[in-house]
Each structure stands twice: as C-alpha cells, then as structure tokens.
Protein backbone atom coordinates (compact mmCIF):
# COMPACT_ATOMS: atom_id res chain seq x y z
CA MET A 1 11.18 -12.32 -103.46
CA ILE A 2 13.10 -13.79 -100.46
CA GLU A 3 16.36 -13.46 -102.16
CA ASN A 4 15.65 -9.65 -102.54
CA ILE A 5 15.07 -9.69 -98.75
CA VAL A 6 18.30 -11.31 -97.95
CA GLU A 7 20.19 -9.04 -100.52
CA ARG A 8 18.63 -5.84 -98.98
CA GLY A 9 19.20 -6.79 -95.47
CA ILE A 10 23.09 -7.29 -96.05
CA LYS A 11 23.25 -4.08 -97.85
CA VAL A 12 21.54 -2.18 -95.28
CA GLY A 13 23.39 -3.60 -92.31
CA THR A 14 26.73 -2.86 -94.01
CA LYS A 15 25.84 0.53 -94.65
CA LEU A 16 25.03 1.09 -91.02
CA GLY A 17 28.46 -0.11 -90.03
CA ALA A 18 27.97 -3.69 -88.96
CA ASP A 19 31.25 -5.61 -89.71
CA GLU A 20 29.26 -8.81 -90.57
CA VAL A 21 25.72 -9.37 -91.54
CA GLU A 22 23.64 -12.40 -92.02
CA VAL A 23 20.03 -12.58 -93.19
CA TYR A 24 17.68 -15.55 -93.31
CA ALA A 25 14.23 -15.77 -94.93
CA ILE A 26 11.63 -18.19 -94.98
CA ARG A 27 8.26 -18.10 -97.03
CA ARG A 28 5.75 -20.48 -96.24
CA VAL A 29 2.33 -21.27 -97.82
CA GLY A 30 0.25 -23.55 -95.92
CA THR A 31 -3.16 -25.40 -96.09
CA ASP A 32 -4.57 -26.94 -92.94
CA ILE A 33 -7.48 -29.44 -92.92
CA VAL A 34 -8.87 -30.55 -89.53
CA GLY A 35 -11.67 -33.00 -88.72
CA THR A 36 -13.28 -34.47 -85.80
CA ILE A 37 -16.03 -36.85 -84.98
CA ARG A 38 -18.30 -33.92 -85.99
CA GLY A 39 -16.73 -33.94 -89.42
CA ILE A 40 -14.56 -31.26 -91.31
CA GLU A 41 -14.19 -28.33 -88.62
CA ARG A 42 -11.58 -26.33 -90.24
CA LEU A 43 -10.09 -25.61 -93.59
CA SER A 44 -7.58 -22.85 -93.67
CA SER A 45 -4.87 -21.51 -95.97
CA GLY A 46 -2.37 -18.74 -95.67
CA GLU A 47 1.09 -17.28 -96.40
CA ARG A 48 3.72 -15.81 -94.26
CA ILE A 49 7.17 -14.72 -94.63
CA ASP A 50 9.78 -14.64 -91.48
CA ALA A 51 13.08 -13.01 -91.48
CA GLY A 52 16.00 -13.15 -89.21
CA VAL A 53 19.08 -10.84 -89.06
CA ARG A 54 22.34 -11.45 -87.29
CA VAL A 55 24.69 -8.35 -87.19
CA VAL A 56 28.09 -8.30 -85.76
CA ILE A 57 30.23 -5.26 -84.66
CA GLY A 58 33.52 -6.27 -83.47
CA LYS A 59 32.63 -9.24 -81.17
CA ARG A 60 29.06 -7.98 -80.36
CA VAL A 61 26.51 -10.03 -81.81
CA SER A 62 22.81 -9.24 -82.10
CA VAL A 63 19.92 -11.29 -83.59
CA GLN A 64 16.59 -9.81 -84.39
CA GLY A 65 13.64 -10.47 -86.61
CA GLY A 66 10.10 -11.28 -87.12
CA MET A 67 7.29 -11.56 -89.58
CA ILE A 68 7.51 -9.23 -92.65
CA SER A 69 4.93 -8.18 -95.32
CA ARG A 70 7.33 -6.28 -97.73
CA VAL A 71 10.91 -6.05 -98.46
CA GLU A 72 11.15 -2.57 -96.92
CA ASP A 73 9.91 -3.99 -93.51
CA LEU A 74 13.51 -5.52 -93.03
CA ASP A 75 15.10 -2.15 -92.77
CA LEU A 76 13.71 -1.52 -89.33
CA ILE A 77 14.82 -4.98 -88.28
CA VAL A 78 18.37 -4.51 -89.33
CA GLU A 79 18.51 -0.85 -87.78
CA THR A 80 17.30 -2.41 -84.41
CA ALA A 81 19.81 -5.16 -84.61
CA VAL A 82 22.65 -2.73 -85.14
CA LYS A 83 21.55 -0.47 -82.36
CA ILE A 84 21.27 -3.39 -79.99
CA ALA A 85 24.71 -4.79 -80.90
CA LYS A 86 26.39 -1.67 -80.08
CA THR A 87 25.02 -1.87 -76.44
CA LEU A 88 25.82 -5.63 -75.87
CA PRO A 89 29.08 -7.02 -74.20
CA GLU A 90 31.51 -8.85 -76.47
CA ASP A 91 31.53 -12.45 -76.77
CA PRO A 92 35.18 -13.43 -76.33
CA GLN A 93 34.75 -16.79 -78.27
CA TRP A 94 33.18 -15.12 -81.14
CA ILE A 95 35.21 -15.49 -84.45
CA SER A 96 33.10 -15.15 -87.64
CA LEU A 97 29.84 -15.96 -89.40
CA SER A 98 30.02 -18.73 -91.85
CA ARG A 99 32.52 -18.57 -94.62
CA GLU A 100 31.45 -21.92 -96.09
CA LEU A 101 28.27 -21.26 -97.95
CA GLY A 102 27.21 -23.55 -100.53
CA LYS A 103 24.66 -26.36 -101.36
CA SER A 104 24.58 -30.07 -101.54
CA HIS A 105 22.29 -32.10 -104.08
CA VAL A 106 19.12 -33.59 -102.44
CA GLU A 107 16.31 -35.40 -103.59
CA GLU A 108 12.69 -36.07 -102.79
CA THR A 109 11.96 -32.87 -101.26
CA LEU A 110 9.41 -31.31 -103.58
CA ASP A 111 5.91 -32.47 -104.33
CA PRO A 112 3.82 -30.92 -106.85
CA LYS A 113 0.59 -32.11 -105.16
CA ILE A 114 1.62 -29.97 -102.21
CA VAL A 115 2.60 -26.96 -104.08
CA GLU A 116 -0.66 -26.91 -105.76
CA PRO A 117 -2.91 -28.76 -103.50
CA GLU A 118 -6.37 -30.24 -104.78
CA THR A 119 -8.22 -29.21 -101.49
CA ASP A 120 -11.31 -31.47 -102.33
CA TYR A 121 -8.93 -34.49 -102.52
CA PHE A 122 -7.45 -33.81 -99.16
CA ILE A 123 -10.82 -33.41 -97.66
CA GLU A 124 -11.75 -36.82 -98.82
CA ILE A 125 -8.84 -38.26 -97.23
CA VAL A 126 -9.62 -36.59 -93.82
CA GLN A 127 -13.28 -37.86 -94.15
CA PHE A 128 -11.90 -41.39 -95.00
CA LEU A 129 -9.67 -41.30 -91.99
CA LEU A 130 -12.61 -40.31 -89.85
CA LYS A 131 -14.93 -42.97 -90.86
CA LYS A 132 -12.63 -45.93 -91.62
CA SER A 133 -11.68 -47.13 -88.14
CA GLY A 134 -15.19 -47.77 -87.25
CA GLU A 135 -15.44 -50.01 -90.23
CA ILE A 136 -12.10 -51.75 -89.29
CA ASP A 137 -13.34 -52.55 -85.91
CA LYS A 138 -16.87 -51.60 -84.34
CA ARG A 139 -15.21 -50.75 -81.01
CA ALA A 140 -13.11 -48.11 -82.62
CA PHE A 141 -13.81 -44.50 -83.70
CA THR A 142 -11.61 -41.82 -85.05
CA SER A 143 -11.47 -38.71 -82.67
CA SER A 144 -9.60 -36.32 -84.86
CA ALA A 145 -7.76 -36.38 -88.36
CA SER A 146 -5.79 -33.46 -89.75
CA ILE A 147 -3.69 -32.72 -92.72
CA HIS A 148 -1.08 -29.89 -93.00
CA LEU A 149 0.65 -29.10 -96.25
CA SER A 150 3.16 -26.40 -96.80
CA THR A 151 5.46 -25.10 -99.48
CA VAL A 152 8.63 -23.64 -97.86
CA GLU A 153 11.10 -21.25 -99.51
CA ARG A 154 14.37 -20.62 -97.98
CA ALA A 155 17.04 -18.17 -98.58
CA ILE A 156 20.12 -17.22 -96.57
CA GLY A 157 23.27 -15.05 -97.12
CA ASN A 158 25.93 -12.99 -95.52
CA ASN A 159 29.20 -10.86 -96.42
CA TYR A 160 31.29 -13.95 -97.35
CA GLY A 161 29.42 -15.92 -100.16
CA GLU A 162 26.48 -16.10 -102.62
CA ILE A 163 22.99 -16.28 -101.34
CA GLN A 164 21.73 -19.82 -101.00
CA ARG A 165 18.01 -20.63 -101.87
CA GLU A 166 15.92 -23.76 -102.20
CA ASP A 167 12.30 -24.87 -102.25
CA ALA A 168 10.76 -27.61 -100.43
CA THR A 169 7.29 -29.16 -99.42
CA GLU A 170 6.23 -30.57 -96.27
CA ALA A 171 3.23 -32.99 -95.36
CA SER A 172 1.78 -33.89 -91.98
CA VAL A 173 -1.16 -36.24 -91.41
CA PHE A 174 -2.26 -37.13 -87.99
CA VAL A 175 -5.08 -39.48 -86.88
CA SER A 176 -6.29 -40.09 -83.46
CA VAL A 177 -8.29 -43.31 -82.76
CA LYS A 178 -10.19 -44.35 -79.55
CA ALA A 179 -11.46 -47.79 -78.80
CA VAL A 180 -14.27 -48.50 -76.27
CA GLU A 181 -15.58 -51.78 -74.73
CA ALA A 182 -17.23 -52.89 -71.48
CA GLY A 183 -16.34 -49.47 -69.86
CA GLU A 184 -12.79 -49.55 -70.85
CA GLU A 185 -11.20 -47.05 -73.13
CA SER A 186 -7.93 -46.96 -75.19
CA GLY A 187 -6.43 -44.48 -77.73
CA TYR A 188 -3.63 -44.37 -80.10
CA TYR A 189 -2.37 -41.98 -82.69
CA GLU A 190 -0.37 -42.53 -85.92
CA ALA A 191 1.25 -39.80 -88.12
CA TYR A 192 2.74 -39.49 -91.54
CA VAL A 193 5.49 -36.63 -91.73
CA ALA A 194 7.73 -36.33 -94.75
CA PRO A 195 8.49 -33.68 -97.47
CA THR A 196 6.49 -35.37 -100.13
CA LEU A 197 3.35 -37.77 -100.20
CA ALA A 198 5.30 -40.47 -102.16
CA ARG A 199 4.94 -42.96 -99.36
CA PHE A 200 1.66 -41.96 -97.91
CA ASN A 201 -0.93 -44.62 -97.57
CA PRO A 202 -4.07 -43.62 -95.71
CA ASP A 203 -5.33 -47.16 -95.34
CA GLU A 204 -2.24 -48.29 -93.61
CA LEU A 205 -2.20 -45.18 -91.48
CA ILE A 206 -5.58 -45.74 -90.09
CA SER A 207 -5.42 -49.33 -89.85
CA LYS A 208 -2.19 -49.10 -87.69
CA ALA A 209 -3.84 -46.68 -85.38
CA THR A 210 -7.12 -48.77 -84.99
CA GLU A 211 -5.04 -51.90 -84.59
CA VAL A 212 -2.96 -50.60 -81.57
CA ALA A 213 -6.00 -48.75 -80.18
CA VAL A 214 -8.12 -51.96 -80.15
CA LYS A 215 -5.50 -54.39 -78.88
CA THR A 216 -4.57 -52.19 -75.90
CA LEU A 217 -8.06 -52.12 -74.59
CA GLY A 218 -8.21 -53.28 -70.84
CA ALA A 219 -4.65 -52.41 -70.29
CA ARG A 220 -3.24 -52.95 -66.91
CA ARG A 221 0.12 -52.44 -64.96
CA VAL A 222 2.72 -55.14 -64.52
CA ASP A 223 4.61 -55.83 -61.32
CA THR A 224 7.35 -53.40 -60.61
CA GLY A 225 10.72 -55.14 -61.74
CA VAL A 226 13.42 -55.59 -64.42
CA TYR A 227 12.04 -56.48 -67.93
CA GLU A 228 12.99 -56.74 -71.43
CA LEU A 229 11.58 -54.22 -73.77
CA VAL A 230 11.00 -53.87 -77.45
CA PHE A 231 10.47 -50.22 -78.72
CA ILE A 232 8.83 -49.59 -81.89
CA PRO A 233 10.56 -47.24 -84.16
CA LYS A 234 8.38 -44.20 -83.14
CA VAL A 235 9.21 -44.81 -79.42
CA PHE A 236 12.82 -45.53 -80.20
CA ALA A 237 12.81 -42.11 -81.81
CA GLY A 238 11.63 -40.25 -78.79
CA VAL A 239 14.23 -41.86 -76.60
CA VAL A 240 17.10 -40.71 -79.03
CA GLN A 241 15.79 -37.36 -79.50
CA SER A 242 15.33 -36.76 -75.73
CA LEU A 243 18.76 -38.04 -74.58
CA VAL A 244 21.11 -38.95 -77.29
CA VAL A 245 20.62 -35.95 -79.77
CA PRO A 246 21.31 -33.31 -77.06
CA ALA A 247 24.51 -35.11 -75.90
CA VAL A 248 26.07 -35.17 -79.31
CA CYS A 249 25.54 -31.50 -80.01
CA ALA A 250 28.87 -29.50 -79.64
CA ASP A 251 27.31 -26.75 -77.60
CA SER A 252 26.27 -29.30 -74.92
CA VAL A 253 29.68 -30.80 -74.89
CA GLN A 254 31.55 -27.47 -74.74
CA LYS A 255 29.27 -26.27 -71.77
CA GLY A 256 29.96 -29.58 -69.85
CA ARG A 257 26.28 -30.50 -70.13
CA SER A 258 26.84 -33.71 -72.13
CA PRO A 259 27.76 -37.06 -70.63
CA LEU A 260 29.74 -37.71 -73.70
CA LYS A 261 32.38 -35.02 -73.05
CA GLY A 262 35.84 -36.73 -73.20
CA LYS A 263 34.53 -39.95 -74.61
CA PHE A 264 35.29 -39.49 -78.34
CA GLY A 265 36.57 -42.87 -79.42
CA SER A 266 34.87 -44.78 -76.58
CA GLN A 267 32.53 -47.61 -76.90
CA VAL A 268 29.24 -45.93 -75.67
CA PHE A 269 26.54 -48.28 -77.18
CA SER A 270 26.13 -51.87 -78.50
CA GLU A 271 28.14 -52.91 -81.28
CA ASN A 272 24.85 -53.37 -83.21
CA LEU A 273 24.08 -49.76 -83.08
CA THR A 274 25.48 -47.31 -85.76
CA PHE A 275 23.97 -43.85 -85.63
CA ILE A 276 24.50 -41.65 -88.68
CA ASP A 277 23.40 -37.86 -89.27
CA ASP A 278 22.55 -37.20 -92.90
CA GLY A 279 20.94 -33.96 -94.10
CA THR A 280 21.15 -35.24 -97.75
CA TYR A 281 18.94 -38.30 -97.02
CA PRO A 282 16.12 -38.57 -99.30
CA GLY A 283 12.59 -38.30 -98.16
CA LEU A 284 12.93 -36.99 -94.64
CA THR A 285 12.04 -33.56 -93.37
CA GLY A 286 15.49 -32.67 -92.31
CA THR A 287 16.62 -33.20 -95.90
CA ARG A 288 18.19 -29.91 -97.33
CA GLY A 289 20.89 -28.61 -99.39
CA PHE A 290 22.13 -26.29 -96.70
CA ASP A 291 21.60 -25.78 -92.86
CA ASP A 292 20.39 -22.75 -91.18
CA GLU A 293 23.57 -20.84 -91.68
CA GLY A 294 23.87 -21.68 -95.40
CA VAL A 295 26.50 -24.39 -94.90
CA PRO A 296 26.12 -27.54 -97.23
CA THR A 297 24.64 -30.62 -95.41
CA LYS A 298 26.43 -34.01 -95.41
CA ARG A 299 26.47 -37.32 -94.02
CA LYS A 300 28.65 -38.22 -91.08
CA VAL A 301 28.70 -41.16 -88.62
CA VAL A 302 27.94 -40.24 -85.00
CA PHE A 303 28.37 -43.94 -83.46
CA ASP A 304 30.23 -46.39 -85.51
CA ARG A 305 29.10 -49.60 -84.01
CA GLY A 306 28.67 -48.09 -80.73
CA VAL A 307 31.83 -46.08 -80.94
CA LEU A 308 31.61 -42.23 -80.43
CA SER A 309 32.82 -41.16 -83.74
CA GLY A 310 31.80 -37.31 -83.99
CA PHE A 311 29.93 -34.38 -82.67
CA LEU A 312 27.49 -32.05 -84.38
CA TYR A 313 28.63 -28.54 -84.89
CA ASP A 314 27.30 -25.12 -86.22
CA THR A 315 29.91 -22.41 -87.19
CA TYR A 316 30.05 -21.01 -83.69
CA THR A 317 30.77 -24.23 -82.00
CA ALA A 318 33.27 -25.48 -84.69
CA LEU A 319 35.39 -22.26 -84.79
CA VAL A 320 35.62 -22.43 -81.02
CA GLU A 321 37.51 -25.82 -81.52
CA GLY A 322 39.13 -24.73 -84.75
CA LYS A 323 37.12 -27.03 -86.88
CA ASN A 324 34.65 -26.63 -89.76
CA SER A 325 30.81 -26.88 -89.32
CA THR A 326 29.29 -29.96 -90.02
CA GLY A 327 26.28 -28.39 -91.38
CA ASN A 328 24.13 -28.94 -88.47
CA ALA A 329 23.08 -25.19 -87.45
CA PHE A 330 19.37 -25.25 -86.63
CA ARG A 331 17.03 -22.45 -85.81
CA ASN A 332 13.62 -22.92 -84.25
CA VAL A 333 12.55 -19.80 -86.08
CA PRO A 334 14.51 -17.63 -88.59
CA TYR A 335 15.32 -15.08 -86.05
CA SER A 336 16.76 -17.34 -83.24
CA THR A 337 20.37 -17.87 -82.70
CA PRO A 338 21.51 -21.06 -84.55
CA THR A 339 22.65 -23.85 -82.55
CA PRO A 340 23.78 -27.51 -83.40
CA TRP A 341 20.93 -30.15 -83.92
CA ILE A 342 20.29 -33.23 -86.08
CA SER A 343 19.51 -32.96 -89.78
CA ASN A 344 18.30 -36.49 -90.42
CA LEU A 345 19.04 -39.19 -87.80
CA LEU A 346 19.52 -42.83 -89.45
CA VAL A 347 20.09 -46.16 -87.45
CA GLU A 348 21.50 -48.87 -89.50
CA PRO A 349 19.20 -51.96 -89.70
CA GLY A 350 19.93 -55.38 -88.26
CA SER A 351 17.96 -58.63 -89.12
CA GLY A 352 14.53 -59.65 -89.02
CA ASP A 353 11.57 -57.68 -88.15
CA LEU A 354 9.34 -56.53 -85.02
CA SER A 355 7.95 -60.11 -84.63
CA ASN A 356 11.52 -61.70 -84.77
CA LEU A 357 12.59 -59.39 -81.77
CA VAL A 358 9.33 -60.23 -79.76
CA LYS A 359 9.75 -63.91 -80.38
CA ASP A 360 12.77 -64.19 -78.25
CA VAL A 361 11.42 -61.99 -75.37
CA LYS A 362 11.16 -64.22 -72.07
CA LYS A 363 9.46 -61.53 -70.07
CA GLY A 364 8.95 -58.09 -71.34
CA VAL A 365 6.79 -55.48 -72.89
CA ILE A 366 6.32 -54.35 -76.41
CA VAL A 367 6.14 -50.35 -76.25
CA TYR A 368 3.82 -48.70 -78.76
CA ALA A 369 3.64 -45.34 -77.23
CA THR A 370 4.99 -43.27 -74.17
CA ILE A 371 4.47 -40.02 -72.73
CA GLY A 372 6.65 -37.86 -70.45
CA GLU A 373 9.99 -38.27 -72.03
CA TRP A 374 10.41 -34.52 -71.38
CA LEU A 375 11.05 -35.73 -67.74
CA SER A 376 14.37 -37.56 -69.06
CA ASN A 377 17.65 -35.75 -68.34
CA PRO A 378 20.13 -35.57 -71.25
CA VAL A 379 22.78 -34.23 -68.92
CA SER A 380 22.75 -37.34 -66.89
CA GLY A 381 21.41 -39.82 -69.53
CA LEU A 382 18.58 -40.80 -67.33
CA LEU A 383 15.61 -41.98 -69.25
CA ASN A 384 12.15 -41.50 -67.56
CA ALA A 385 8.88 -42.07 -69.39
CA THR A 386 5.25 -43.60 -68.84
CA ILE A 387 3.91 -46.35 -71.06
CA THR A 388 0.53 -45.43 -72.56
CA ASN A 389 0.22 -48.39 -74.96
CA GLY A 390 2.20 -51.58 -74.43
CA ILE A 391 1.58 -55.40 -74.70
CA TYR A 392 3.12 -57.76 -71.99
CA VAL A 393 5.02 -60.75 -73.48
CA GLU A 394 5.94 -63.91 -72.14
CA SER A 395 8.08 -66.68 -73.87
CA GLY A 396 7.37 -64.80 -77.05
CA GLU A 397 3.79 -64.70 -76.81
CA GLU A 398 1.66 -61.59 -76.37
CA LYS A 399 -0.47 -61.88 -73.20
CA PHE A 400 -2.20 -58.79 -72.30
CA PRO A 401 -2.09 -55.05 -72.64
CA VAL A 402 0.05 -52.72 -70.48
CA LYS A 403 -0.41 -49.04 -69.55
CA GLY A 404 0.46 -46.56 -66.73
CA VAL A 405 3.91 -48.17 -66.08
CA VAL A 406 7.14 -45.95 -65.67
CA LEU A 407 10.12 -47.21 -67.50
CA SER A 408 13.53 -45.81 -66.19
CA GLY A 409 17.23 -46.25 -66.54
CA ASN A 410 20.46 -44.69 -67.82
CA VAL A 411 20.22 -44.67 -71.68
CA TYR A 412 23.91 -45.52 -71.81
CA GLU A 413 23.39 -48.65 -69.89
CA VAL A 414 20.18 -49.67 -71.35
CA LEU A 415 21.80 -49.48 -75.13
CA LYS A 416 25.10 -50.80 -74.39
CA PRO A 417 24.62 -54.70 -73.91
CA ALA A 418 25.80 -56.90 -76.48
CA GLU A 419 22.33 -58.49 -76.49
CA VAL A 420 20.77 -55.13 -77.86
CA ARG A 421 19.26 -55.93 -81.18
CA VAL A 422 17.65 -53.86 -84.01
CA SER A 423 15.39 -55.12 -86.71
CA ARG A 424 16.17 -54.99 -90.45
CA SER A 425 12.89 -53.28 -91.18
CA LEU A 426 13.10 -49.42 -90.97
CA GLU A 427 10.49 -46.84 -90.67
CA ARG A 428 10.92 -43.36 -92.07
CA PHE A 429 9.05 -40.46 -90.44
CA GLY A 430 9.97 -36.74 -89.73
CA ARG A 431 13.74 -36.58 -89.21
CA PHE A 432 14.25 -40.22 -88.70
CA SER A 433 14.80 -43.58 -90.48
CA LEU A 434 14.92 -46.06 -87.48
CA PRO A 435 14.44 -49.88 -86.92
CA ALA A 436 12.49 -51.32 -83.83
CA ILE A 437 14.98 -52.05 -81.00
CA TYR A 438 15.25 -54.80 -78.42
CA VAL A 439 16.90 -53.92 -75.13
CA PRO A 440 17.49 -56.87 -72.45
CA LYS A 441 17.24 -54.90 -69.29
CA ILE A 442 15.09 -52.03 -68.01
CA THR A 443 13.35 -51.13 -64.91
CA LEU A 444 9.49 -50.93 -64.94
CA ALA A 445 7.73 -49.19 -61.91
CA GLY A 446 4.32 -50.83 -62.04
CA LYS A 447 1.96 -52.07 -59.28
C-alpha cells in the first residue's frame, strides 16, 4: 500500500505543475504493554500511516504531510504543498532532490516475533520485570516496566529514480527500579532498544537496574574539584549525542554553528578515539538500507584516531558544497524537512573492561547516569550535566555512592588528552555501539 501512496503522490504533484516531487510514507503497526507496581496497566495496539510530500517549483520548496487513512488522502496534501510552494520565496541554494536513490544490504533488522507478537508472552516478561527486582534484593522494587514493539514499513520516491521500500522491526523495553533503606531512596533505569529481540535478556536487564539502584543508596556529594571520570557506555552516548553529533552534521558547519568548522584533518580528540557512522551495521535501530531521502546508507569514518575525517551530509547540504550525500538524511516525522544526523554511531574498542578502567582511577567517579545533558552547548562544546547515579573511587577502590554533582568542561578538552582510554567490551543499544570511557580530568561542582 505505501508504494501506491508514493507513486500516486509523485504523479499528482507532477500533474499539478511541480518541477520535482518527493513522497515519503511510513506504516507502523505497534503493540504497547505497560506495567507498574499495581500490575499490568495498559495493553494497546494500533496502526497508522504517515506521509510527507516535498514539492519544488523553481527554487521554491514546500514540505507538507500528516496521517492518512487511505491513498486518496494524499491528494489534498500534494495540492496544499503545491499551492504553498507558489507563495514561498526562492531558496538561492536549492539545487535538486536526490538523484542517488538506491538501497544497501543490511542484516538483523526484521524479527518475526515482533511482526506477529504473542501478547501473553510479552505480558509475562513485563510481570517478571515487575517482581524480579524484589527477589534480587529486598530493598528494591520495580516502579515501572514497559515493552513497545513495532513493525515499520518505509517507502520513498521522487522524479529521479525507482521507489525504495523496506520493512523493519523495533523493540524497546524499559524498566525502572527503586531502592529504599533507612529513609534513603535511589532509582535507576535500564533499557533494551534494538530492531530485534536477538540480544534481549530480561534477567540481565532487571539485574543491572537493581544492582545500580541498590549500590547508589545513600548517595552524597563530593567536594568541588577536578576528578577523573569513568562513563559507562550509556552515559558516554549521551555526551556524544548532545555535543559531538550536532557538530559533525554539515548543516551546523555551514551555518557556523559547529566548533569543528575549518578543522577538517585536525587532531580533535585523543588518538584512542575513532568514531564511525555506519547505517549498515547490523542490529542497531539506525540500520537501514536507505536514509530518509532514499539514498543508500554506508560506513564512513568521522574521527580517525581522533583526527576529524568527515562530516555527515544529506542531499541539500552535500549539493551546496558540490558533494554527494553520505546517506545521513533524517526526519523526525515523514513530513518534516530532512537534515543530516547519525545513522548508527560506533566507537572502536580499546582494551580491558569497565573494571580495568576503574582500577587505575586515583580519585574519581564512575558515572552510571546523568540528567540535564540538554543544558550542554554543541555550538561551544560545553558539557553540562548532573550525576544522578555514581560511585566515588579512590586508588581503584569503590568507596561510596555519589549524586547531585554537576560535571562541566569543554568536550574537546575532556576527550583530547592522550590518557583518554576506552574499554574493549562494547554495548549495543539504540543507534550506538560504544565502550566505557575513562577521562583523566573534568570539573565536578559538589559541596
């Protein structure tokens, strides 16, 4: 059906006089199971189709769209887009929609267990997550657990190539655990986010959440000062997504909003850090055969041993510079304007595991969770976040839990020293495959 939507939209837009027409359609079929300490509270399922249309008249570009219930609903969207395009000012930098439509080979993106979910089985998993934390430790209880499963069909096309279509699945499992003792309370959440359930282990998920919730009971602040830090992969991902990813997107560079402008080929980070963007990497949620403009995804090195080696482009930003798209067009919804963003972000491993990184810490904190990364500034590179779950370490030994401490520093200074190290062990979640990381110096604002 969604291919018919795309084909119809292109024909209608061309008939109405548009020079270029692009149609993007997504069909989602989802199941949600939500539980709290009161038990299973919601079980729901549904289906929706969203479509976006981009029409070009000369250098006037209009993007419109919304949810549709039948193929004919797209006609009005296209008509509206054409009418609005005629009233808009020209974009002097506009060149063309993508002429590079195609599809890369990808694996581990479709799970039959999600396509046809056995509801009772997933209800049992939520119930298990709700009760298991208390069995692991009497001080703990699960405050909420949820599973979201969806099958996603995507199709996109324009005047310049064949319609591209693919199917995928997505699974998201979240569990939040609280621990209470002697009037003190601590909380921690874990999540499994992937296109398939191949790596899903509910026992491991709840055990991790319970362990950190319990071990960070009675947390307190450390004195203000300069410390070593060890970020677990999930926290490292938050730092990278807040500060590094926006800076390597070509639109930020072209608008002068990236501190990396003019630094291509420069040593930006430690030689121990290699960042790769790879939309074909198996088993991550950004793994797709084509991006949100229908351009084939591919692997590209962004930082090679700390040296800035490339930026991420969609078609618009690439053509502005006379280049080809890197297959990184991204839309929040099908009817938003595409902009560059990561597909999957990988950091190459180092040596040892988390315990090896901690063993060498003289005075520092293992950071298990933070909040407030949105206060960070990707334009300047300033990192700002508050530690909600951490453990103070002295001479390689864990001493006491830490929370309520603000960490701050310029990410390009924090991640550049030669002493920066990453673990050999990697964690895959969402769009990331990352190690834990040790940074030798960062400022903590405590008591």
